[in-house]
Amino acid sequence: MRAGYLQFQPVFGEPEKNIEKILELTSGKNFDLLVMPELSNSGYLFSSKSELEKCAERVPDGFFCKAILNLSKEKNAFIVCGLAEKEGEKFYNSSILAFPNGTIKLYRKIHLFNEEKRWFEPGNKPFEMYEITNKVKVGMMICYDWIYPESARTLTMKGAQIICHPSNLVMPYCQDAMYARAVENRIFTITANRIGKEINGGKELFFTGQSVILNPKGIYLQRGSVDKEECIIVEIEPEMALNKKMNEYNSIFEDRREEMYKV
């Protein structure tokens, strides 16, 4: 299976320009599954609700969402992409899973980070597993969800073989912490981070790039650059994530003792 990430620097508040950049970076690329960064349509560093209102959109009817669906159909591939979503008067930091047949699945970020709590509602949809090509099962989580092991474990226990992880990482920990998420769940992880700097409202943020793909044994199949826009595709064997045995005597699921985990 060909799976990978797209790492780029979204133009703040310009969904049309961001789609243009995505189309440019995916031109000539062949893949079965591609993961793109968090808030790919909008950029990250908001200073007002009016800025968010300008580029957030409804799913699946918004301009950006439709463009991702069109790309999915054109490539005959599954695409996970983060975006700013509007539903009624509420805004969510969301990700979509686009199917080539036009189906779309939606996840809303459960664990909001820092000032995201000023702009977005906490996610109201649970972690879910979805079946894509060749019965491969994937799940979505977004950026700061990584720091809660329950996020990846829940997706794994629901059957996911690949965790798709759109991100806008600013702390230096995640790319290394994903080693633990992959090993403790014996699962593939694809973290698609953004690059660059945003300055808005007297504040600035630097994003760490270095998107990563890990296999169930904790091997880094790919680690992206710090500051380069790129679309990287690797060959993976999703069946590896079906084997939850550590050795002849240990299985990460069978050995769980839930009665001892109560707090």
Protein backbone atom coordinates (compact mmCIF):
# COMPACT_ATOMS: atom_id res chain seq x y z
CA MET A 1 0.00 0.00 0.00
CA ARG A 2 1.29 3.47 -0.88
CA ALA A 3 0.78 5.87 2.02
CA GLY A 4 2.29 9.18 2.95
CA TYR A 5 2.03 12.76 4.06
CA LEU A 6 1.89 16.22 2.54
CA GLN A 7 3.86 18.81 4.50
CA PHE A 8 3.41 22.47 3.58
CA GLN A 9 2.91 26.02 4.84
CA PRO A 10 -0.74 27.08 4.52
CA VAL A 11 -1.38 30.71 3.61
CA PHE A 12 -3.31 32.19 6.51
CA GLY A 13 -6.95 32.91 5.66
CA GLU A 14 -6.63 31.88 1.99
CA PRO A 15 -8.31 28.51 1.32
CA GLU A 16 -8.10 28.99 -2.45
CA LYS A 17 -4.33 29.49 -2.36
CA ASN A 18 -3.94 26.50 -0.08
CA ILE A 19 -5.79 24.23 -2.49
CA GLU A 20 -3.58 25.50 -5.30
CA LYS A 21 -0.51 24.57 -3.27
CA ILE A 22 -1.91 21.14 -2.41
CA LEU A 23 -2.63 20.42 -6.08
CA GLU A 24 0.88 21.53 -7.01
CA LEU A 25 2.53 19.32 -4.38
CA THR A 26 0.45 16.25 -5.27
CA SER A 27 0.90 16.64 -9.02
CA GLY A 28 2.45 13.48 -10.45
CA LYS A 29 2.20 11.65 -7.11
CA ASN A 30 0.50 8.28 -6.84
CA PHE A 31 -0.78 7.07 -3.49
CA ASP A 32 -3.52 5.06 -1.82
CA LEU A 33 -3.65 7.12 1.39
CA LEU A 34 -2.40 10.66 2.00
CA VAL A 35 -2.47 12.68 5.23
CA MET A 36 -2.34 16.50 5.23
CA PRO A 37 -1.80 18.97 8.11
CA GLU A 38 -4.25 20.33 10.65
CA LEU A 39 -6.20 23.42 9.54
CA SER A 40 -4.89 23.11 5.98
CA ASN A 41 -7.59 25.41 4.65
CA SER A 42 -7.10 28.29 7.05
CA GLY A 43 -3.77 28.48 8.82
CA TYR A 44 -3.57 28.43 12.60
CA LEU A 45 -2.90 31.66 14.48
CA PHE A 46 -6.30 33.39 14.76
CA SER A 47 -6.77 36.69 16.52
CA SER A 48 -10.56 37.04 16.13
CA LYS A 49 -13.69 35.03 15.39
CA SER A 50 -14.18 37.11 12.25
CA GLU A 51 -10.91 35.73 10.86
CA LEU A 52 -12.09 32.21 11.58
CA GLU A 53 -15.51 32.94 10.08
CA LYS A 54 -13.84 34.01 6.84
CA CYS A 55 -12.23 30.68 6.06
CA ALA A 56 -14.13 28.07 8.09
CA GLU A 57 -16.62 26.06 6.07
CA ARG A 58 -19.35 23.50 6.29
CA VAL A 59 -18.66 19.83 5.66
CA PRO A 60 -19.14 18.49 3.03
CA ASP A 61 -20.44 21.52 1.11
CA GLY A 62 -17.57 23.99 1.50
CA PHE A 63 -15.18 24.99 -1.28
CA PHE A 64 -12.09 23.45 0.30
CA CYS A 65 -13.86 20.26 1.27
CA LYS A 66 -15.18 19.78 -2.27
CA ALA A 67 -11.71 20.38 -3.68
CA ILE A 68 -10.26 17.64 -1.46
CA LEU A 69 -13.05 15.29 -2.55
CA ASN A 70 -12.27 16.07 -6.19
CA LEU A 71 -8.58 15.33 -5.60
CA SER A 72 -9.51 12.05 -3.92
CA LYS A 73 -11.59 11.06 -6.94
CA GLU A 74 -8.91 12.16 -9.40
CA LYS A 75 -6.20 10.17 -7.61
CA ASN A 76 -8.51 7.25 -6.77
CA ALA A 77 -7.10 7.57 -3.27
CA PHE A 78 -8.15 8.25 0.31
CA ILE A 79 -7.18 11.63 1.78
CA VAL A 80 -7.18 12.80 5.38
CA CYS A 81 -7.00 16.57 5.74
CA GLY A 82 -7.42 19.01 8.62
CA LEU A 83 -9.68 22.03 8.23
CA ALA A 84 -11.54 24.73 10.11
CA GLU A 85 -15.18 23.64 10.15
CA LYS A 86 -18.33 25.67 10.74
CA GLU A 87 -21.56 24.07 11.88
CA GLY A 88 -24.34 26.49 12.68
CA GLU A 89 -22.77 29.16 14.88
CA LYS A 90 -20.04 26.86 16.15
CA PHE A 91 -16.53 26.22 14.89
CA TYR A 92 -14.53 23.00 15.12
CA ASN A 93 -10.92 22.06 14.48
CA SER A 94 -11.73 19.08 12.29
CA SER A 95 -10.33 16.54 9.87
CA ILE A 96 -12.03 14.80 7.00
CA LEU A 97 -11.44 11.43 5.41
CA ALA A 98 -12.30 11.72 1.72
CA PHE A 99 -13.23 8.58 -0.23
CA PRO A 100 -12.81 8.38 -4.05
CA ASN A 101 -16.52 7.62 -4.37
CA GLY A 102 -17.46 10.95 -2.77
CA THR A 103 -18.10 9.65 0.75
CA ILE A 104 -16.70 11.78 3.53
CA LYS A 105 -16.05 11.02 7.21
CA LEU A 106 -15.56 13.70 9.85
CA TYR A 107 -13.61 13.92 13.10
CA ARG A 108 -13.57 16.95 15.42
CA LYS A 109 -10.51 17.50 17.61
CA ILE A 110 -11.27 16.29 21.12
CA HIS A 111 -8.28 17.74 22.96
CA LEU A 112 -7.92 21.44 22.16
CA PHE A 113 -4.50 23.05 22.64
CA ASN A 114 -3.82 26.43 24.22
CA GLU A 115 -5.75 29.31 22.56
CA GLU A 116 -7.66 26.92 20.33
CA LYS A 117 -10.08 26.95 23.26
CA ARG A 118 -10.87 30.59 22.41
CA TRP A 119 -12.00 29.76 18.89
CA PHE A 120 -13.18 26.17 18.67
CA GLU A 121 -15.69 23.95 20.41
CA PRO A 122 -14.31 20.70 21.86
CA GLY A 123 -14.92 17.77 19.55
CA ASN A 124 -18.28 16.05 20.03
CA LYS A 125 -17.62 12.95 17.92
CA PRO A 126 -15.81 9.91 19.36
CA PHE A 127 -12.73 8.33 17.87
CA GLU A 128 -13.83 6.03 15.06
CA MET A 129 -12.31 3.45 12.73
CA TYR A 130 -13.04 3.44 8.98
CA GLU A 131 -12.37 0.82 6.32
CA ILE A 132 -10.64 2.00 3.17
CA THR A 133 -8.96 0.20 0.26
CA ASN A 134 -8.40 -3.57 0.55
CA LYS A 135 -10.23 -3.58 3.90
CA VAL A 136 -7.44 -1.60 5.57
CA LYS A 137 -8.74 0.17 8.68
CA VAL A 138 -7.74 3.73 9.59
CA GLY A 139 -8.56 6.24 12.30
CA MET A 140 -8.08 9.98 12.73
CA MET A 141 -6.75 12.10 15.55
CA ILE A 142 -5.50 15.70 15.40
CA CYS A 143 -2.26 17.22 16.70
CA TYR A 144 -2.47 17.59 20.53
CA ASP A 145 -4.55 14.40 20.74
CA TRP A 146 -1.16 12.66 20.63
CA ILE A 147 -0.32 13.54 24.23
CA TYR A 148 -3.24 11.41 25.49
CA PRO A 149 -2.33 7.73 25.00
CA GLU A 150 -6.04 6.97 25.22
CA SER A 151 -6.53 8.55 21.78
CA ALA A 152 -4.32 6.13 19.89
CA ARG A 153 -5.28 3.19 22.12
CA THR A 154 -9.00 3.76 21.51
CA LEU A 155 -8.47 3.83 17.75
CA THR A 156 -6.35 0.69 17.93
CA MET A 157 -8.88 -1.19 20.04
CA LYS A 158 -11.57 -0.27 17.52
CA GLY A 159 -9.49 -2.00 14.87
CA ALA A 160 -7.45 0.76 13.21
CA GLN A 161 -4.23 -0.35 11.53
CA ILE A 162 -3.13 3.17 10.60
CA ILE A 163 -3.53 6.34 12.63
CA CYS A 164 -3.82 9.43 10.43
CA HIS A 165 -2.62 12.44 12.40
CA PRO A 166 -3.00 15.94 10.86
CA SER A 167 -0.93 18.35 12.94
CA ASN A 168 0.32 21.91 13.45
CA LEU A 169 3.06 21.06 15.94
CA VAL A 170 4.88 23.80 17.83
CA MET A 171 6.41 21.77 20.67
CA PRO A 172 9.46 19.56 20.02
CA TYR A 173 8.11 16.35 21.54
CA CYS A 174 5.52 14.80 19.27
CA GLN A 175 7.64 13.44 16.46
CA ASP A 176 9.59 11.37 19.00
CA ALA A 177 6.54 10.51 21.12
CA MET A 178 4.87 8.93 18.11
CA TYR A 179 7.43 6.15 18.46
CA ALA A 180 5.67 5.18 21.69
CA ARG A 181 2.20 5.47 20.15
CA ALA A 182 3.27 3.14 17.33
CA VAL A 183 5.03 0.57 19.53
CA GLU A 184 2.56 0.44 22.40
CA ASN A 185 -0.28 -0.18 19.96
CA ARG A 186 1.67 -2.05 17.25
CA ILE A 187 0.18 0.26 14.65
CA PHE A 188 1.26 2.49 11.76
CA THR A 189 1.17 6.22 12.42
CA ILE A 190 1.31 9.03 9.86
CA THR A 191 1.83 12.49 11.35
CA ALA A 192 1.47 15.23 8.74
CA ASN A 193 2.85 18.45 10.18
CA ARG A 194 3.06 21.93 8.68
CA ILE A 195 6.10 24.17 8.39
CA GLY A 196 6.82 27.87 8.60
CA LYS A 197 5.98 30.80 10.83
CA GLU A 198 2.76 32.73 11.41
CA ILE A 199 2.55 36.23 12.86
CA ASN A 200 -0.84 37.66 13.81
CA GLY A 201 -2.26 39.89 16.52
CA GLY A 202 1.16 40.61 17.98
CA LYS A 203 1.92 36.90 18.39
CA GLU A 204 4.03 34.50 16.40
CA LEU A 205 4.37 30.75 16.16
CA PHE A 206 7.01 28.55 14.58
CA PHE A 207 5.94 25.13 13.33
CA THR A 208 8.35 22.23 13.56
CA GLY A 209 7.82 20.29 10.31
CA GLN A 210 9.51 16.86 10.45
CA SER A 211 6.38 14.89 9.57
CA VAL A 212 6.86 11.23 10.49
CA ILE A 213 5.70 7.80 9.42
CA LEU A 214 6.29 4.87 11.78
CA ASN A 215 5.55 1.19 11.51
CA PRO A 216 4.26 -1.10 14.29
CA LYS A 217 7.83 -1.92 15.37
CA GLY A 218 8.69 1.73 15.92
CA ILE A 219 10.82 2.06 12.82
CA TYR A 220 10.76 5.53 11.27
CA LEU A 221 9.90 4.89 7.65
CA GLN A 222 10.16 8.60 6.94
CA ARG A 223 11.03 11.78 8.81
CA GLY A 224 10.42 15.03 6.96
CA SER A 225 12.54 18.14 6.79
CA VAL A 226 12.18 21.04 9.21
CA ASP A 227 11.30 23.67 6.62
CA LYS A 228 10.61 22.08 3.23
CA GLU A 229 7.26 21.63 1.53
CA GLU A 230 7.04 18.04 0.36
CA CYS A 231 4.75 15.16 -0.47
CA ILE A 232 6.36 11.90 0.60
CA ILE A 233 4.95 8.46 -0.21
CA VAL A 234 6.27 5.15 1.16
CA GLU A 235 5.29 1.51 0.75
CA ILE A 236 3.76 -0.05 3.86
CA GLU A 237 2.29 -3.44 4.74
CA PRO A 238 -0.86 -2.73 6.80
CA GLU A 239 -1.12 -6.42 7.73
CA MET A 240 1.77 -5.87 10.15
CA ALA A 241 -0.63 -3.99 12.41
CA LEU A 242 -2.86 -7.05 12.76
CA ASN A 243 -0.23 -8.88 14.78
CA LYS A 244 -0.47 -7.71 18.39
CA LYS A 245 1.94 -10.29 19.80
CA MET A 246 5.20 -9.08 21.34
CA ASN A 247 6.54 -12.62 21.65
CA GLU A 248 5.34 -16.17 22.21
CA TYR A 249 3.85 -15.30 25.59
CA ASN A 250 2.72 -11.66 25.32
CA SER A 251 -0.04 -9.95 23.37
CA ILE A 252 -0.67 -6.27 23.97
CA PHE A 253 -4.43 -6.81 24.00
CA GLU A 254 -4.72 -10.19 25.66
CA ASP A 255 -2.44 -9.10 28.52
CA ARG A 256 -4.43 -6.00 29.39
CA ARG A 257 -5.80 -6.09 32.97
CA GLU A 258 -8.50 -3.46 32.96
CA GLU A 259 -9.50 -4.25 36.54
CA MET A 260 -6.12 -2.92 37.66
CA TYR A 261 -6.38 0.38 35.78
CA LYS A 262 -9.20 1.96 37.75
CA VAL A 263 -8.53 5.34 39.38
